[in-house]
Amino acid sequence: GSLRLSCVASGSFFRINTMGWFRQV
């Protein structure tokens, strides 16, 4: 099957550079 993850940044900031996903078991 499939899933779609989303991640939104909130708050006060100037610039978002690299974004990524990690996982842990």
PDB file of all heavy atoms in Angstrom:
ATOM      1  N   GLY A   1       0.808  -1.217   0.000  1.00  0.00           N
ATOM      2  CA  GLY A   1       0.000   0.000   0.000  1.00  0.00           C
ATOM      3  C   GLY A   1       0.841   1.267   0.000  1.00  0.00           C
ATOM      4  O   GLY A   1       2.073   1.225  -0.111  1.00  0.00           O
ATOM      5  N   SER A   2       0.139   2.395   0.144  1.00  0.00           N
ATOM      6  CA  SER A   2       0.788   3.702   0.080  1.00  0.00           C
ATOM      7  C   SER A   2       0.351   4.587   1.238  1.00  0.00           C
ATOM      8  O   SER A   2      -0.760   4.431   1.769  1.00  0.00           O
ATOM      9  CB  SER A   2       0.427   4.412  -1.235  1.00  0.00           C
ATOM     10  OG  SER A   2       0.891   3.692  -2.353  1.00  0.00           O
ATOM     11  N   LEU A   3       1.227   5.485   1.603  1.00  0.00           N
ATOM     12  CA  LEU A   3       0.923   6.533   2.561  1.00  0.00           C
ATOM     13  C   LEU A   3       1.647   7.801   2.124  1.00  0.00           C
ATOM     14  O   LEU A   3       2.704   7.722   1.474  1.00  0.00           O
ATOM     15  CB  LEU A   3       1.382   6.174   3.971  1.00  0.00           C
ATOM     16  CG  LEU A   3       0.553   5.207   4.809  1.00  0.00           C
ATOM     17  CD1 LEU A   3       1.262   4.898   6.119  1.00  0.00           C
ATOM     18  CD2 LEU A   3      -0.831   5.771   5.077  1.00  0.00           C
ATOM     19  N   ARG A   4       1.099   8.932   2.525  1.00  0.00           N
ATOM     20  CA  ARG A   4       1.758  10.204   2.257  1.00  0.00           C
ATOM     21  C   ARG A   4       1.933  10.954   3.560  1.00  0.00           C
ATOM     22  O   ARG A   4       0.940  11.270   4.232  1.00  0.00           O
ATOM     23  CB  ARG A   4       0.951  11.051   1.275  1.00  0.00           C
ATOM     24  CG  ARG A   4       1.685  12.293   0.787  1.00  0.00           C
ATOM     25  CD  ARG A   4       0.757  13.204   0.041  1.00  0.00           C
ATOM     26  NE  ARG A   4       1.448  14.229  -0.733  1.00  0.00           N
ATOM     27  CZ  ARG A   4       0.951  15.429  -0.991  1.00  0.00           C
ATOM     28  NH1 ARG A   4      -0.247  15.761  -0.523  1.00  0.00           N
ATOM     29  NH2 ARG A   4       1.646  16.302  -1.705  1.00  0.00           N
ATOM     30  N   LEU A   5       3.168  11.231   3.898  1.00  0.00           N
ATOM     31  CA  LEU A   5       3.473  12.006   5.092  1.00  0.00           C
ATOM     32  C   LEU A   5       3.646  13.477   4.725  1.00  0.00           C
ATOM     33  O   LEU A   5       4.155  13.801   3.653  1.00  0.00           O
ATOM     34  CB  LEU A   5       4.753  11.496   5.749  1.00  0.00           C
ATOM     35  CG  LEU A   5       4.811  10.017   6.117  1.00  0.00           C
ATOM     36  CD1 LEU A   5       6.134   9.714   6.831  1.00  0.00           C
ATOM     37  CD2 LEU A   5       3.636   9.609   6.967  1.00  0.00           C
ATOM     38  N   SER A   6       3.227  14.328   5.643  1.00  0.00           N
ATOM     39  CA  SER A   6       3.413  15.767   5.477  1.00  0.00           C
ATOM     40  C   SER A   6       4.074  16.334   6.720  1.00  0.00           C
ATOM     41  O   SER A   6       3.890  15.806   7.827  1.00  0.00           O
ATOM     42  CB  SER A   6       2.059  16.471   5.265  1.00  0.00           C
ATOM     43  OG  SER A   6       1.413  16.009   4.120  1.00  0.00           O
ATOM     44  N   CYS A   7       4.816  17.393   6.531  1.00  0.00           N
ATOM     45  CA  CYS A   7       5.466  18.069   7.658  1.00  0.00           C
ATOM     46  C   CYS A   7       5.474  19.555   7.357  1.00  0.00           C
ATOM     47  O   CYS A   7       6.003  19.987   6.331  1.00  0.00           O
ATOM     48  CB  CYS A   7       6.882  17.554   7.840  1.00  0.00           C
ATOM     49  SG  CYS A   7       7.878  18.488   9.017  1.00  0.00           S
ATOM     50  N   VAL A   8       4.892  20.323   8.264  1.00  0.00           N
ATOM     51  CA  VAL A   8       4.833  21.768   8.069  1.00  0.00           C
ATOM     52  C   VAL A   8       5.615  22.466   9.167  1.00  0.00           C
ATOM     53  O   VAL A   8       5.552  22.086  10.342  1.00  0.00           O
ATOM     54  CB  VAL A   8       3.368  22.253   8.036  1.00  0.00           C
ATOM     55  CG1 VAL A   8       2.652  21.914   9.314  1.00  0.00           C
ATOM     56  CG2 VAL A   8       3.297  23.742   7.758  1.00  0.00           C
ATOM     57  N   ALA A   9       6.360  23.470   8.767  1.00  0.00           N
ATOM     58  CA  ALA A   9       7.117  24.285   9.714  1.00  0.00           C
ATOM     59  C   ALA A   9       6.303  25.507  10.089  1.00  0.00           C
ATOM     60  O   ALA A   9       5.722  26.164   9.220  1.00  0.00           O
ATOM     61  CB  ALA A   9       8.441  24.714   9.093  1.00  0.00           C
ATOM     62  N   SER A  10       6.271  25.799  11.382  1.00  0.00           N
ATOM     63  CA  SER A  10       5.537  26.968  11.850  1.00  0.00           C
ATOM     64  C   SER A  10       6.400  27.767  12.808  1.00  0.00           C
ATOM     65  O   SER A  10       7.370  27.257  13.367  1.00  0.00           O
ATOM     66  CB  SER A  10       4.231  26.547  12.528  1.00  0.00           C
ATOM     67  OG  SER A  10       4.506  25.776  13.685  1.00  0.00           O
ATOM     68  N   GLY A  11       6.003  29.022  13.015  1.00  0.00           N
ATOM     69  CA  GLY A  11       6.752  29.897  13.901  1.00  0.00           C
ATOM     70  C   GLY A  11       7.402  31.019  13.123  1.00  0.00           C
ATOM     71  O   GLY A  11       7.065  31.266  11.969  1.00  0.00           O
ATOM     72  N   SER A  12       8.340  31.668  13.749  1.00  0.00           N
ATOM     73  CA  SER A  12       9.019  32.801  13.143  1.00  0.00           C
ATOM     74  C   SER A  12      10.419  32.389  12.698  1.00  0.00           C
ATOM     75  O   SER A  12      11.241  31.976  13.521  1.00  0.00           O
ATOM     76  CB  SER A  12       9.101  33.950  14.149  1.00  0.00           C
ATOM     77  OG  SER A  12       9.775  35.055  13.588  1.00  0.00           O
ATOM     78  N   PHE A  13      10.689  32.514  11.416  1.00  0.00           N
ATOM     79  CA  PHE A  13      12.005  32.182  10.900  1.00  0.00           C
ATOM     80  C   PHE A  13      12.219  32.888   9.582  1.00  0.00           C
ATOM     81  O   PHE A  13      11.271  33.391   8.968  1.00  0.00           O
ATOM     82  CB  PHE A  13      12.173  30.659  10.723  1.00  0.00           C
ATOM     83  CG  PHE A  13      11.065  30.003   9.945  1.00  0.00           C
ATOM     84  CD1 PHE A  13      11.083  29.961   8.563  1.00  0.00           C
ATOM     85  CD2 PHE A  13       9.992  29.424  10.616  1.00  0.00           C
ATOM     86  CE1 PHE A  13      10.055  29.357   7.862  1.00  0.00           C
ATOM     87  CE2 PHE A  13       8.963  28.815   9.929  1.00  0.00           C
ATOM     88  CZ  PHE A  13       8.987  28.779   8.537  1.00  0.00           C
ATOM     89  N   PHE A  14      13.481  32.887   9.137  1.00  0.00           N
ATOM     90  CA  PHE A  14      13.825  33.580   7.903  1.00  0.00           C
ATOM     91  C   PHE A  14      13.855  32.635   6.713  1.00  0.00           C
ATOM     92  O   PHE A  14      13.295  32.934   5.664  1.00  0.00           O
ATOM     93  CB  PHE A  14      15.181  34.267   8.064  1.00  0.00           C
ATOM     94  CG  PHE A  14      15.682  34.912   6.804  1.00  0.00           C
ATOM     95  CD1 PHE A  14      15.032  36.010   6.269  1.00  0.00           C
ATOM     96  CD2 PHE A  14      16.789  34.405   6.138  1.00  0.00           C
ATOM     97  CE1 PHE A  14      15.477  36.607   5.090  1.00  0.00           C
ATOM     98  CE2 PHE A  14      17.252  34.987   4.969  1.00  0.00           C
ATOM     99  CZ  PHE A  14      16.593  36.085   4.450  1.00  0.00           C
ATOM    100  N   ARG A  15      14.490  31.463   6.904  1.00  0.00           N
ATOM    101  CA  ARG A  15      14.721  30.617   5.741  1.00  0.00           C
ATOM    102  C   ARG A  15      14.814  29.156   6.140  1.00  0.00           C
ATOM    103  O   ARG A  15      15.471  28.814   7.114  1.00  0.00           O
ATOM    104  CB  ARG A  15      16.018  31.031   5.060  1.00  0.00           C
ATOM    105  CG  ARG A  15      16.376  30.266   3.784  1.00  0.00           C
ATOM    106  CD  ARG A  15      17.734  30.711   3.277  1.00  0.00           C
ATOM    107  NE  ARG A  15      18.154  30.009   2.085  1.00  0.00           N
ATOM    108  CZ  ARG A  15      17.953  30.438   0.843  1.00  0.00           C
ATOM    109  NH1 ARG A  15      17.350  31.589   0.638  1.00  0.00           N
ATOM    110  NH2 ARG A  15      18.379  29.743  -0.187  1.00  0.00           N
ATOM    111  N   ILE A  16      14.149  28.311   5.356  1.00  0.00           N
ATOM    112  CA  ILE A  16      14.272  26.867   5.526  1.00  0.00           C
ATOM    113  C   ILE A  16      15.201  26.346   4.451  1.00  0.00           C
ATOM    114  O   ILE A  16      14.956  26.576   3.263  1.00  0.00           O
ATOM    115  CB  ILE A  16      12.913  26.157   5.422  1.00  0.00           C
ATOM    116  CG1 ILE A  16      11.923  26.722   6.444  1.00  0.00           C
ATOM    117  CG2 ILE A  16      13.091  24.653   5.629  1.00  0.00           C
ATOM    118  CD1 ILE A  16      10.524  26.146   6.325  1.00  0.00           C
ATOM    119  N   ASN A  17      16.230  25.666   4.848  1.00  0.00           N
ATOM    120  CA  ASN A  17      17.159  25.091   3.882  1.00  0.00           C
ATOM    121  C   ASN A  17      16.766  23.641   3.617  1.00  0.00           C
ATOM    122  O   ASN A  17      15.644  23.374   3.223  1.00  0.00           O
ATOM    123  CB  ASN A  17      18.575  25.278   4.365  1.00  0.00           C
ATOM    124  CG  ASN A  17      18.946  26.743   4.466  1.00  0.00           C
ATOM    125  OD1 ASN A  17      18.865  27.490   3.494  1.00  0.00           O
ATOM    126  ND2 ASN A  17      19.295  27.195   5.663  1.00  0.00           N
ATOM    127  N   THR A  18      17.648  22.706   3.863  1.00  0.00           N
ATOM    128  CA  THR A  18      17.343  21.316   3.574  1.00  0.00           C
ATOM    129  C   THR A  18      16.259  20.787   4.513  1.00  0.00           C
ATOM    130  O   THR A  18      16.259  21.098   5.713  1.00  0.00           O
ATOM    131  CB  THR A  18      18.601  20.453   3.692  1.00  0.00           C
ATOM    132  OG1 THR A  18      19.559  20.905   2.734  1.00  0.00           O
ATOM    133  CG2 THR A  18      18.302  18.984   3.444  1.00  0.00           C
ATOM    134  N   MET A  19      15.359  20.016   3.949  1.00  0.00           N
ATOM    135  CA  MET A  19      14.324  19.323   4.733  1.00  0.00           C
ATOM    136  C   MET A  19      14.439  17.834   4.448  1.00  0.00           C
ATOM    137  O   MET A  19      14.855  17.427   3.364  1.00  0.00           O
ATOM    138  CB  MET A  19      12.928  19.812   4.371  1.00  0.00           C
ATOM    139  CG  MET A  19      12.733  21.304   4.542  1.00  0.00           C
ATOM    140  SD  MET A  19      11.036  21.847   4.224  1.00  0.00           S
ATOM    141  CE  MET A  19      10.271  21.472   5.809  1.00  0.00           C
ATOM    142  N   GLY A  20      14.055  17.035   5.417  1.00  0.00           N
ATOM    143  CA  GLY A  20      14.193  15.595   5.192  1.00  0.00           C
ATOM    144  C   GLY A  20      13.335  14.773   6.113  1.00  0.00           C
ATOM    145  O   GLY A  20      12.639  15.301   6.992  1.00  0.00           O
ATOM    146  N   TRP A  21      13.380  13.486   5.870  1.00  0.00           N
ATOM    147  CA  TRP A  21      12.666  12.501   6.682  1.00  0.00           C
ATOM    148  C   TRP A  21      13.661  11.451   7.165  1.00  0.00           C
ATOM    149  O   TRP A  21      14.483  10.951   6.384  1.00  0.00           O
ATOM    150  CB  TRP A  21      11.570  11.825   5.868  1.00  0.00           C
ATOM    151  CG  TRP A  21      10.444  12.730   5.519  1.00  0.00           C
ATOM    152  CD1 TRP A  21      10.281  13.466   4.382  1.00  0.00           C
ATOM    153  CD2 TRP A  21       9.300  13.003   6.334  1.00  0.00           C
ATOM    154  NE1 TRP A  21       9.118  14.182   4.436  1.00  0.00           N
ATOM    155  CE2 TRP A  21       8.494  13.905   5.624  1.00  0.00           C
ATOM    156  CE3 TRP A  21       8.868  12.564   7.584  1.00  0.00           C
ATOM    157  CZ2 TRP A  21       7.277  14.399   6.123  1.00  0.00           C
ATOM    158  CZ3 TRP A  21       7.670  13.042   8.077  1.00  0.00           C
ATOM    159  CH2 TRP A  21       6.888  13.945   7.352  1.00  0.00           C
ATOM    160  N   PHE A  22      13.559  11.139   8.435  1.00  0.00           N
ATOM    161  CA  PHE A  22      14.331  10.068   9.055  1.00  0.00           C
ATOM    162  C   PHE A  22      13.337   9.063   9.633  1.00  0.00           C
ATOM    163  O   PHE A  22      12.162   9.383   9.802  1.00  0.00           O
ATOM    164  CB  PHE A  22      15.212  10.615  10.180  1.00  0.00           C
ATOM    165  CG  PHE A  22      16.399  11.416   9.712  1.00  0.00           C
ATOM    166  CD1 PHE A  22      16.230  12.662   9.135  1.00  0.00           C
ATOM    167  CD2 PHE A  22      17.684  10.931   9.861  1.00  0.00           C
ATOM    168  CE1 PHE A  22      17.321  13.409   8.704  1.00  0.00           C
ATOM    169  CE2 PHE A  22      18.790  11.666   9.447  1.00  0.00           C
ATOM    170  CZ  PHE A  22      18.597  12.904   8.874  1.00  0.00           C
ATOM    171  N   ARG A  23      13.814   7.888   9.952  1.00  0.00           N
ATOM    172  CA  ARG A  23      12.966   6.920  10.622  1.00  0.00           C
ATOM    173  C   ARG A  23      13.769   6.143  11.651  1.00  0.00           C
ATOM    174  O   ARG A  23      14.990   6.021  11.541  1.00  0.00           O
ATOM    175  CB  ARG A  23      12.306   5.960   9.627  1.00  0.00           C
ATOM    176  CG  ARG A  23      13.256   5.029   8.889  1.00  0.00           C
ATOM    177  CD  ARG A  23      12.493   4.246   7.826  1.00  0.00           C
ATOM    178  NE  ARG A  23      13.366   3.333   7.097  1.00  0.00           N
ATOM    179  CZ  ARG A  23      12.974   2.640   6.025  1.00  0.00           C
ATOM    180  NH1 ARG A  23      11.732   2.774   5.553  1.00  0.00           N
ATOM    181  NH2 ARG A  23      13.825   1.823   5.429  1.00  0.00           N
ATOM    182  N   GLN A  24      13.037   5.623  12.615  1.00  0.00           N
ATOM    183  CA  GLN A  24      13.693   4.892  13.702  1.00  0.00           C
ATOM    184  C   GLN A  24      12.796   3.787  14.210  1.00  0.00           C
ATOM    185  O   GLN A  24      11.586   3.989  14.393  1.00  0.00           O
ATOM    186  CB  GLN A  24      14.035   5.843  14.850  1.00  0.00           C
ATOM    187  CG  GLN A  24      14.900   5.226  15.931  1.00  0.00           C
ATOM    188  CD  GLN A  24      15.400   6.272  16.919  1.00  0.00           C
ATOM    189  OE1 GLN A  24      14.796   7.330  17.095  1.00  0.00           O
ATOM    190  NE2 GLN A  24      16.523   5.982  17.567  1.00  0.00           N
ATOM    191  N   VAL A  25      13.403   2.623  14.430  1.00  0.00           N
ATOM    192  CA  VAL A  25      12.711   1.516  15.073  1.00  0.00           C
ATOM    193  C   VAL A  25      13.377   1.275  16.413  1.00  0.00           C
ATOM    194  O   VAL A  25      14.559   1.594  16.591  1.00  0.00           O
ATOM    195  CB  VAL A  25      12.735   0.233  14.206  1.00  0.00           C
ATOM    196  CG1 VAL A  25      12.005   0.474  12.901  1.00  0.00           C
ATOM    197  CG2 VAL A  25      14.159  -0.230  13.951  1.00  0.00           C
TER     198      VAL A  25
END
